Protein backbone atom coordinates (compact mmCIF):
# COMPACT_ATOMS: atom_id res chain seq x y z
CA MET A 1 20.67 -89.98 -9.75
CA ASP A 2 21.52 -92.80 -10.97
CA PHE A 3 18.13 -94.99 -11.34
CA ILE A 4 17.30 -92.25 -14.54
CA LYS A 5 19.02 -93.15 -17.45
CA ASP A 6 18.43 -90.72 -20.96
CA LEU A 7 17.97 -92.62 -23.38
CA ASP A 8 18.19 -91.73 -27.38
CA GLY A 9 15.36 -91.55 -29.93
CA GLY A 10 12.41 -89.78 -28.53
CA PHE A 11 8.84 -90.71 -28.42
CA SER A 12 10.28 -93.70 -30.28
CA VAL A 13 11.30 -95.94 -26.70
CA ILE A 14 7.38 -95.63 -26.02
CA GLU A 15 5.73 -98.60 -26.89
CA ASN A 16 1.80 -98.61 -28.58
CA LEU A 17 2.90 -95.02 -29.45
CA LYS A 18 2.96 -93.40 -33.30
CA VAL A 19 3.79 -90.15 -33.82
CA SER A 20 4.56 -87.74 -37.08
CA GLY A 21 4.96 -84.36 -37.89
CA ALA A 22 4.46 -82.56 -41.58
CA ARG A 23 5.08 -79.04 -42.62
CA GLU A 24 4.57 -76.68 -45.02
CA GLY A 25 5.58 -73.27 -44.99
CA LYS A 26 5.10 -71.78 -41.60
CA TYR A 27 2.33 -74.12 -40.98
CA GLY A 28 2.80 -77.71 -39.24
CA VAL A 29 1.14 -80.31 -37.56
CA SER A 30 1.89 -82.66 -35.26
CA ILE A 31 0.01 -86.28 -34.59
CA ILE A 32 0.87 -88.18 -31.37
CA VAL A 33 -1.18 -91.03 -30.46
CA SER A 34 -1.49 -93.42 -27.71
CA PRO A 35 -4.62 -95.40 -27.57
CA ASN A 36 -6.67 -95.19 -24.31
CA SER A 37 -4.16 -93.65 -22.18
CA THR A 38 -5.06 -92.21 -19.10
CA ALA A 39 -4.38 -88.27 -18.94
CA SER A 40 -4.22 -84.87 -17.24
CA ALA A 41 -2.80 -81.60 -18.25
CA VAL A 42 -1.53 -78.30 -16.89
CA PHE A 43 -2.52 -74.97 -18.88
CA THR A 44 -2.12 -71.27 -19.22
CA SER A 45 -3.66 -68.69 -16.57
CA ASN A 46 -3.85 -66.27 -18.98
CA LYS A 47 -7.15 -64.78 -18.99
CA VAL A 48 -7.19 -65.00 -22.62
CA VAL A 49 -7.60 -68.16 -23.92
CA ALA A 50 -7.03 -70.15 -26.76
CA ALA A 51 -9.69 -72.56 -28.48
CA PRO A 52 -7.83 -75.06 -28.18
CA VAL A 53 -7.06 -74.73 -24.73
CA LYS A 54 -10.79 -74.29 -24.29
CA TYR A 55 -11.69 -77.37 -26.31
CA THR A 56 -8.80 -79.85 -24.51
CA LYS A 57 -10.31 -78.82 -21.21
CA ASN A 58 -13.33 -80.44 -21.36
CA ALA A 59 -12.01 -83.85 -23.17
CA LEU A 60 -10.12 -84.60 -20.17
CA LYS A 61 -12.88 -84.43 -18.35
CA LYS A 62 -13.07 -88.14 -19.29
CA GLY A 63 -9.56 -88.51 -17.96
CA ILE A 64 -8.59 -90.80 -21.54
CA ILE A 65 -6.93 -89.64 -24.30
CA SER A 66 -5.95 -91.63 -27.17
CA ALA A 67 -4.84 -89.06 -30.08
CA VAL A 68 -3.31 -85.01 -29.74
CA PHE A 69 -3.52 -82.97 -32.66
CA VAL A 70 -1.05 -80.04 -32.77
CA ASN A 71 -0.64 -77.13 -35.62
CA SER A 72 1.55 -73.76 -35.59
CA GLY A 73 1.51 -71.34 -37.25
CA ASN A 74 -2.03 -69.76 -36.10
CA ALA A 75 -2.86 -70.27 -32.79
CA ASN A 76 -6.66 -70.01 -32.96
CA CYS A 77 -7.02 -67.87 -30.06
CA PHE A 78 -9.37 -64.71 -29.57
CA THR A 79 -11.24 -66.28 -33.05
CA GLY A 80 -14.65 -66.24 -31.34
CA GLU A 81 -17.21 -68.87 -32.25
CA LYS A 82 -15.36 -70.46 -35.23
CA GLY A 83 -12.07 -71.13 -33.62
CA ILE A 84 -14.20 -73.00 -31.56
CA LYS A 85 -15.42 -74.87 -34.37
CA ASP A 86 -12.36 -75.06 -36.07
CA CYS A 87 -11.45 -77.46 -33.34
CA GLU A 88 -14.05 -79.68 -34.38
CA THR A 89 -13.63 -79.57 -37.41
CA LEU A 90 -9.50 -80.96 -37.12
CA VAL A 91 -10.30 -83.27 -34.60
CA GLU A 92 -13.09 -84.90 -36.80
CA LEU A 93 -10.59 -85.13 -39.28
CA VAL A 94 -8.37 -87.26 -37.13
CA SER A 95 -11.58 -88.86 -35.41
CA LYS A 96 -12.53 -90.43 -38.86
CA ASP A 97 -8.69 -90.97 -40.64
CA LEU A 98 -7.44 -92.51 -37.09
CA ASP A 99 -11.37 -94.58 -36.17
CA ILE A 100 -10.70 -92.70 -31.80
CA PRO A 101 -13.62 -91.26 -30.36
CA LYS A 102 -13.33 -87.36 -30.78
CA ASP A 103 -13.99 -87.18 -27.00
CA GLU A 104 -10.60 -88.53 -26.64
CA ILE A 105 -8.77 -86.42 -28.95
CA ALA A 106 -7.05 -83.31 -27.66
CA ILE A 107 -5.82 -80.33 -29.48
CA SER A 108 -3.04 -77.34 -29.38
CA SER A 109 -1.86 -74.63 -31.71
CA THR A 110 1.05 -72.20 -31.43
CA GLY A 111 1.06 -69.21 -33.37
CA VAL A 112 0.13 -65.47 -33.95
CA ILE A 113 -2.88 -64.78 -31.81
CA GLY A 114 -5.87 -62.93 -33.31
CA ARG A 115 -6.27 -64.24 -36.76
CA GLU A 116 -8.63 -66.97 -38.15
CA MET A 117 -7.52 -70.59 -38.69
CA PRO A 118 -6.33 -71.09 -42.30
CA ILE A 119 -7.93 -74.61 -41.70
CA ASP A 120 -7.63 -75.63 -45.43
CA ILE A 121 -4.46 -75.68 -45.03
CA ILE A 122 -4.11 -76.93 -41.87
CA SER A 123 -5.91 -79.87 -42.90
CA LYS A 124 -4.08 -80.38 -46.05
CA VAL A 125 -0.91 -80.86 -43.08
CA ALA A 126 -2.82 -82.50 -41.36
CA TYR A 127 -3.67 -85.18 -43.59
CA GLU A 128 0.01 -85.72 -44.65
CA SER A 129 1.51 -86.24 -41.01
CA ILE A 130 -1.42 -88.86 -40.73
CA SER A 131 -0.11 -90.17 -43.08
CA LYS A 132 3.50 -90.56 -42.01
CA LEU A 133 2.94 -91.63 -38.36
CA GLY A 134 5.14 -94.31 -37.10
CA ASN A 135 7.44 -95.33 -33.99
CA ASN A 136 10.80 -94.84 -35.07
CA ALA A 137 13.72 -91.66 -33.83
CA GLU A 138 12.97 -89.86 -36.91
CA ASN A 139 8.85 -89.73 -36.49
CA SER A 140 9.92 -88.15 -33.32
CA LEU A 141 12.15 -85.60 -34.15
CA ALA A 142 9.42 -84.14 -37.08
CA ALA A 143 6.89 -83.89 -34.58
CA ALA A 144 9.41 -82.06 -32.78
CA LYS A 145 10.15 -80.09 -35.41
CA ALA A 146 6.40 -79.49 -37.20
CA ILE A 147 5.36 -77.53 -33.79
CA MET A 148 8.16 -74.88 -34.04
CA THR A 149 7.25 -71.17 -34.39
CA THR A 150 10.39 -69.25 -33.81
CA ASP A 151 12.45 -71.59 -32.22
CA THR A 152 15.86 -73.02 -33.22
CA PHE A 153 16.30 -76.27 -32.53
CA PRO A 154 14.03 -79.14 -31.80
CA LYS A 155 13.07 -80.22 -28.11
CA GLU A 156 12.72 -84.37 -26.97
CA CYS A 157 13.83 -85.64 -24.79
CA ALA A 158 13.69 -89.46 -22.77
CA VAL A 159 14.67 -91.01 -20.26
CA GLU A 160 14.22 -94.51 -18.04
CA VAL A 161 13.38 -94.60 -15.16
CA THR A 162 14.05 -98.04 -12.14
CA LEU A 163 11.54 -97.84 -9.62
CA THR A 164 12.31 -98.48 -6.04
CA ASN A 165 10.61 -101.61 -5.94
CA GLY A 166 13.39 -102.82 -9.41
CA GLU A 167 11.17 -102.64 -12.24
CA THR A 168 11.68 -99.50 -15.03
CA VAL A 169 8.96 -97.62 -16.82
CA LYS A 170 9.99 -94.31 -19.86
CA ILE A 171 9.19 -91.26 -20.05
CA ALA A 172 8.96 -89.14 -23.16
CA GLY A 173 8.49 -85.65 -24.47
CA ILE A 174 8.79 -82.93 -27.16
CA THR A 175 8.31 -79.01 -26.27
CA LYS A 176 8.16 -76.22 -28.25
CA GLY A 177 8.84 -72.81 -26.56
CA SER A 178 10.92 -69.85 -27.64
CA GLY A 179 9.23 -66.97 -27.05
CA MET A 180 6.37 -65.78 -24.74
CA ILE A 181 8.16 -67.14 -21.92
CA ALA A 182 7.44 -66.48 -18.49
CA PRO A 183 6.86 -68.04 -15.29
CA ASN A 184 2.97 -68.97 -14.74
CA MET A 185 1.98 -72.38 -15.76
CA GLY A 186 3.68 -74.78 -18.38
CA THR A 187 4.56 -71.63 -20.39
CA MET A 188 4.99 -73.28 -23.89
CA LEU A 189 3.79 -76.76 -25.67
CA SER A 190 4.79 -79.96 -24.41
CA PHE A 191 3.60 -83.19 -24.50
CA ILE A 192 4.77 -85.78 -23.04
CA VAL A 193 3.86 -89.60 -22.87
CA THR A 194 4.63 -92.81 -20.72
CA ASP A 195 4.90 -96.58 -20.60
CA ALA A 196 3.47 -96.59 -17.06
CA GLU A 197 0.27 -97.38 -15.92
CA ILE A 198 -1.27 -94.65 -13.55
CA PRO A 199 -4.24 -92.82 -12.66
CA SER A 200 -5.30 -89.64 -14.82
CA ASP A 201 -5.56 -87.25 -10.83
CA GLU A 202 -1.78 -89.41 -9.99
CA ILE A 203 -0.67 -87.56 -13.42
CA ASN A 204 -2.10 -84.18 -12.50
CA LYS A 205 -0.64 -83.93 -8.95
CA ALA A 206 2.68 -85.31 -10.24
CA LEU A 207 2.79 -83.09 -13.60
CA LYS A 208 2.57 -79.91 -11.29
CA LYS A 209 4.47 -81.04 -8.86
CA ALA A 210 7.20 -81.42 -11.93
CA ALA A 211 5.78 -77.81 -13.34
CA ASP A 212 6.67 -76.04 -10.53
CA ILE A 213 10.32 -76.63 -10.62
CA SER A 214 10.44 -76.73 -14.12
CA PHE A 215 8.78 -74.75 -16.84
CA ASN A 216 7.34 -72.60 -13.74
CA MET A 217 10.92 -71.48 -13.27
CA ILE A 218 11.88 -70.22 -17.11
CA VAL A 219 11.74 -66.74 -17.69
CA VAL A 220 12.34 -65.63 -21.75
CA ASP A 221 10.69 -62.48 -22.03
CA GLY A 222 7.81 -61.96 -18.88
CA ASP A 223 4.75 -62.59 -21.85
CA GLU A 224 2.82 -64.92 -20.66
CA SER A 225 1.45 -67.09 -23.62
CA THR A 226 -2.54 -67.20 -24.17
CA ASN A 227 -2.38 -71.10 -25.46
CA ASP A 228 -0.04 -72.69 -23.02
CA THR A 229 -0.39 -76.29 -22.60
CA CYS A 230 1.41 -79.44 -20.84
CA LEU A 231 -0.18 -82.81 -21.36
CA MET A 232 0.93 -86.02 -20.47
CA MET A 233 -0.58 -89.54 -21.31
CA ALA A 234 0.45 -93.17 -19.86
CA ASN A 235 -0.70 -95.61 -22.38
CA GLY A 236 0.38 -98.42 -19.85
CA SER A 237 2.59 -100.59 -22.44
CA SER A 238 4.89 -101.40 -20.02
CA GLY A 239 2.47 -103.11 -17.16
CA VAL A 240 4.52 -101.55 -14.25
CA ASN A 241 2.28 -99.69 -11.81
CA VAL A 242 4.04 -96.62 -10.29
CA VAL A 243 1.07 -96.15 -7.98
CA GLU A 244 0.79 -98.11 -4.31
CA ASP A 245 -1.29 -97.91 -1.63
CA GLY A 246 -2.33 -94.55 -3.29
CA LYS A 247 1.31 -93.43 -3.46
CA LEU A 248 3.56 -92.57 -6.23
CA ASP A 249 6.73 -93.97 -6.84
CA PRO A 250 9.28 -91.38 -5.65
CA ASN A 251 11.79 -92.61 -8.09
CA PHE A 252 8.44 -92.08 -10.87
CA GLN A 253 8.11 -88.35 -9.62
CA GLU A 254 12.44 -87.75 -10.01
CA GLY A 255 12.06 -88.94 -13.79
CA LEU A 256 9.33 -86.97 -14.89
CA ASN A 257 11.03 -83.90 -12.67
CA TYR A 258 14.31 -84.47 -14.65
CA LEU A 259 13.18 -84.70 -17.85
CA CYS A 260 11.30 -81.37 -17.89
CA ILE A 261 13.79 -79.74 -15.82
CA ASP A 262 15.57 -80.53 -18.78
CA LEU A 263 12.96 -79.38 -21.92
CA ALA A 264 12.48 -76.56 -20.11
CA LYS A 265 16.63 -75.54 -19.67
CA LYS A 266 16.18 -76.25 -23.85
CA MET A 267 13.56 -73.70 -24.07
CA ALA A 268 15.48 -70.75 -22.24
CA ARG A 269 19.01 -71.81 -24.08
CA ASP A 270 16.59 -71.72 -27.29
CA GLY A 271 15.15 -68.13 -26.19
CA GLU A 272 14.64 -65.09 -28.91
CA GLY A 273 17.67 -63.83 -30.26
CA ALA A 274 19.69 -65.40 -27.12
CA THR A 275 23.32 -65.48 -26.98
CA LYS A 276 23.51 -66.90 -23.27
CA PHE A 277 22.38 -69.05 -21.14
CA ILE A 278 21.49 -67.59 -17.07
CA GLU A 279 21.20 -70.15 -13.97
CA ALA A 280 19.84 -68.49 -11.24
CA ASN A 281 20.42 -70.68 -7.61
CA VAL A 282 18.95 -69.12 -4.69
CA CYS A 283 19.95 -70.78 -1.19
CA GLY A 284 19.65 -69.84 2.71
CA ALA A 285 16.30 -68.36 2.08
CA LYS A 286 13.01 -67.94 4.21
CA ASP A 287 10.78 -70.85 2.44
CA LEU A 288 10.79 -72.50 -1.20
CA GLU A 289 8.49 -69.78 -2.14
CA ASP A 290 10.96 -66.57 -1.55
CA ALA A 291 13.52 -68.46 -3.39
CA ARG A 292 11.30 -68.81 -6.05
CA LEU A 293 10.68 -65.52 -6.15
CA ALA A 294 13.83 -64.41 -5.81
CA ALA A 295 15.33 -66.52 -8.63
CA LYS A 296 12.61 -65.76 -10.73
CA SER A 297 13.24 -62.35 -10.37
CA ILE A 298 17.11 -61.95 -11.31
CA ILE A 299 16.06 -63.99 -14.45
CA SER A 300 13.35 -61.57 -15.43
CA SER A 301 15.37 -58.68 -14.95
CA SER A 302 15.51 -56.74 -18.18
CA LEU A 303 18.29 -54.67 -17.13
CA PHE A 304 20.34 -58.17 -16.17
CA LYS A 305 19.98 -60.36 -19.03
CA SER A 306 20.91 -56.97 -20.78
CA ALA A 307 23.71 -56.70 -18.81
CA VAL A 308 24.52 -60.55 -19.44
CA PHE A 309 24.40 -60.11 -23.23
CA GLY A 310 27.01 -56.98 -23.04
CA GLY A 311 29.26 -58.91 -20.85
CA ASP A 312 28.52 -56.17 -17.38
CA PRO A 313 29.33 -58.14 -13.91
CA ASN A 314 26.42 -55.73 -12.67
CA TRP A 315 26.03 -57.55 -9.68
CA GLY A 316 24.32 -54.36 -8.44
CA ARG A 317 21.43 -54.76 -10.83
CA ILE A 318 20.95 -59.14 -9.38
CA VAL A 319 20.70 -57.64 -5.62
CA SER A 320 17.54 -54.68 -6.86
CA ALA A 321 15.99 -57.40 -8.71
CA ILE A 322 15.64 -59.36 -5.53
CA GLY A 323 14.91 -56.59 -3.33
CA TYR A 324 11.84 -55.85 -5.58
CA SER A 325 10.54 -60.08 -5.97
CA GLY A 326 8.40 -59.86 -2.51
CA CYS A 327 10.86 -61.86 -1.25
CA ASP A 328 12.70 -61.21 2.87
CA LEU A 329 16.21 -59.70 2.04
CA ASN A 330 18.90 -58.63 4.14
CA PRO A 331 21.11 -56.38 2.02
CA ASP A 332 23.84 -56.50 5.30
CA ILE A 333 24.08 -60.92 4.94
CA VAL A 334 23.42 -61.46 1.43
CA THR A 335 26.12 -63.27 -0.70
CA ILE A 336 26.18 -63.19 -4.41
CA ALA A 337 28.49 -65.14 -6.56
CA ILE A 338 28.98 -65.53 -10.38
CA ALA A 339 30.05 -68.88 -12.15
CA SER A 340 30.56 -70.03 -15.69
CA ASP A 341 32.02 -73.53 -16.24
CA LEU A 342 35.28 -72.89 -15.41
CA ASP A 343 35.44 -70.40 -12.63
CA GLU A 344 33.45 -68.97 -9.86
CA VAL A 345 33.64 -65.60 -8.25
CA ASP A 346 32.18 -63.85 -4.88
CA LEU A 347 31.14 -60.50 -6.25
CA VAL A 348 29.39 -59.81 -2.41
CA LYS A 349 29.99 -62.10 0.84
CA ASP A 350 28.12 -61.53 3.65
CA GLY A 351 26.99 -58.14 2.65
CA GLU A 352 30.92 -57.09 2.22
CA ILE A 353 31.98 -56.07 -1.33
CA LEU A 354 34.53 -57.03 -2.96
CA ALA A 355 33.85 -56.52 -6.78
CA PHE A 356 35.24 -53.18 -6.83
CA GLU A 357 36.77 -51.48 -10.13
CA ASN A 358 40.22 -52.73 -10.71
CA THR A 359 39.66 -55.28 -8.22
CA PRO A 360 40.88 -59.32 -8.99
CA ASN A 361 37.28 -60.34 -7.79
CA LEU A 362 36.18 -58.14 -10.78
CA GLU A 363 38.25 -58.84 -13.51
CA ARG A 364 37.57 -62.74 -12.93
CA ALA A 365 33.64 -61.45 -13.30
CA GLU A 366 34.02 -59.71 -16.68
CA LYS A 367 35.86 -62.95 -17.56
CA ILE A 368 32.33 -65.24 -16.77
CA MET A 369 30.44 -62.40 -18.13
CA GLN A 370 32.00 -63.80 -21.40
CA SER A 371 30.95 -67.48 -20.86
CA LYS A 372 28.18 -68.81 -22.92
CA ASN A 373 26.77 -70.07 -19.48
CA VAL A 374 25.89 -67.45 -16.97
CA ILE A 375 25.14 -68.98 -13.17
CA VAL A 376 24.25 -66.70 -10.72
CA ASN A 377 24.93 -67.94 -6.79
CA ILE A 378 22.68 -66.44 -3.75
CA ASP A 379 22.63 -66.96 -0.62
CA MET A 380 20.20 -65.12 2.02
CA HIS A 381 21.83 -66.63 5.08
CA LEU A 382 17.34 -66.73 5.93
CA GLY A 383 16.93 -70.41 6.13
CA ASP A 384 16.69 -73.67 4.07
CA GLY A 385 14.98 -72.31 1.28
CA GLU A 386 16.53 -73.22 -2.18
CA ALA A 387 15.55 -72.44 -5.98
CA THR A 388 16.74 -72.60 -9.71
CA ALA A 389 15.57 -71.06 -12.60
CA TRP A 390 16.94 -70.32 -16.36
CA GLY A 391 16.60 -67.87 -18.48
CA CYS A 392 18.80 -66.12 -21.20
CA ASP A 393 20.45 -62.84 -22.41
CA LEU A 394 18.31 -59.98 -24.18
CA THR A 395 19.64 -58.99 -27.29
CA TYR A 396 19.00 -56.82 -30.38
CA ASP A 397 17.95 -59.78 -32.20
CA TYR A 398 15.35 -60.36 -29.75
CA VAL A 399 13.65 -56.56 -30.64
CA LYS A 400 14.10 -57.51 -34.35
CA ILE A 401 12.36 -60.93 -34.21
CA ASN A 402 9.81 -59.13 -32.59
CA ALA A 403 9.30 -56.49 -34.25
CA GLU A 404 9.03 -58.32 -37.55
CA TYR A 405 6.72 -60.89 -36.27
CA THR A 406 3.39 -60.43 -38.17
CA THR A 407 5.21 -59.41 -41.60
């Protein structure tokens, strides 16, 4: 897509935006200030919902967000009324220091569930973060780093989109996510800002479309967080309106999709303990929903994820995962192939098994499984449904990280 250009610098490409990040031990605070931005978000569908999710849902009713407070190290979840009061305390801090109305401030948290917020520590780090607010690449990177928990690297992306009328706008975002990643909303914390002019209701529609093909199509471990939030703000600093006659410019939607997919894939690559990245492409499904079911089932399968870790081209685990996914499947006509960046080999072609023991196809498959990027290509031969999902292998280190998470 030649109308989408990758940019360096993360949030720094957006005018009228200030960001920062600070950290003390495991506790971090990021601040994003984008005055008078139209905004919307998608959230976790977990029935156990963190206090900051409840607070931000209420703040978004106005459709305007001017600042976002994000902390790591504590999820502020299952903390009762005190959790909401802690949200109010931190929002008040930002409101007073930056002279921003409290009802225009969103809040988000990530970390251990079921423990009270260490409000004194978080407040101290918050003041430090506020003092560092600025608009450069270092600020953007600091904000991405401050919200990390078990992540091994910061995740940010920025693009310039040429609209169908020739005008340009920019979109930038950061995200965090490494564990408790499952496709059931946004599966992480992500914050996106654009310099385009766009009403909050159109942001909501565009963000849901983008999330459905990105954040909702990744799996690390199948556990859904209680704090998942993907919030998008539009500060209009470009002066370019991306909605005309009630229709969103299709190039803007594609640009947002591209950015969200990039951030989602970075989360999948950074799955807790991961050594390999998995991509599952499904075509020929009965419809889109079936394609999504099949693709997500493959990268959700603990057995297949373990096989990828061990370098075992056990295609039986692939077809089994498709079979229990709930999609329509005819085993007699399905095609299953695996690929790396350098090779692709059919394991099953139109229902015929090609990868028996000591055959060239199986030997090639074994080499492919040693790659850092393992790609599964499925053709169901039943319709025109297509979908892609992303994930990672399941390793010893995943168990170790989560066995020691709070100790």
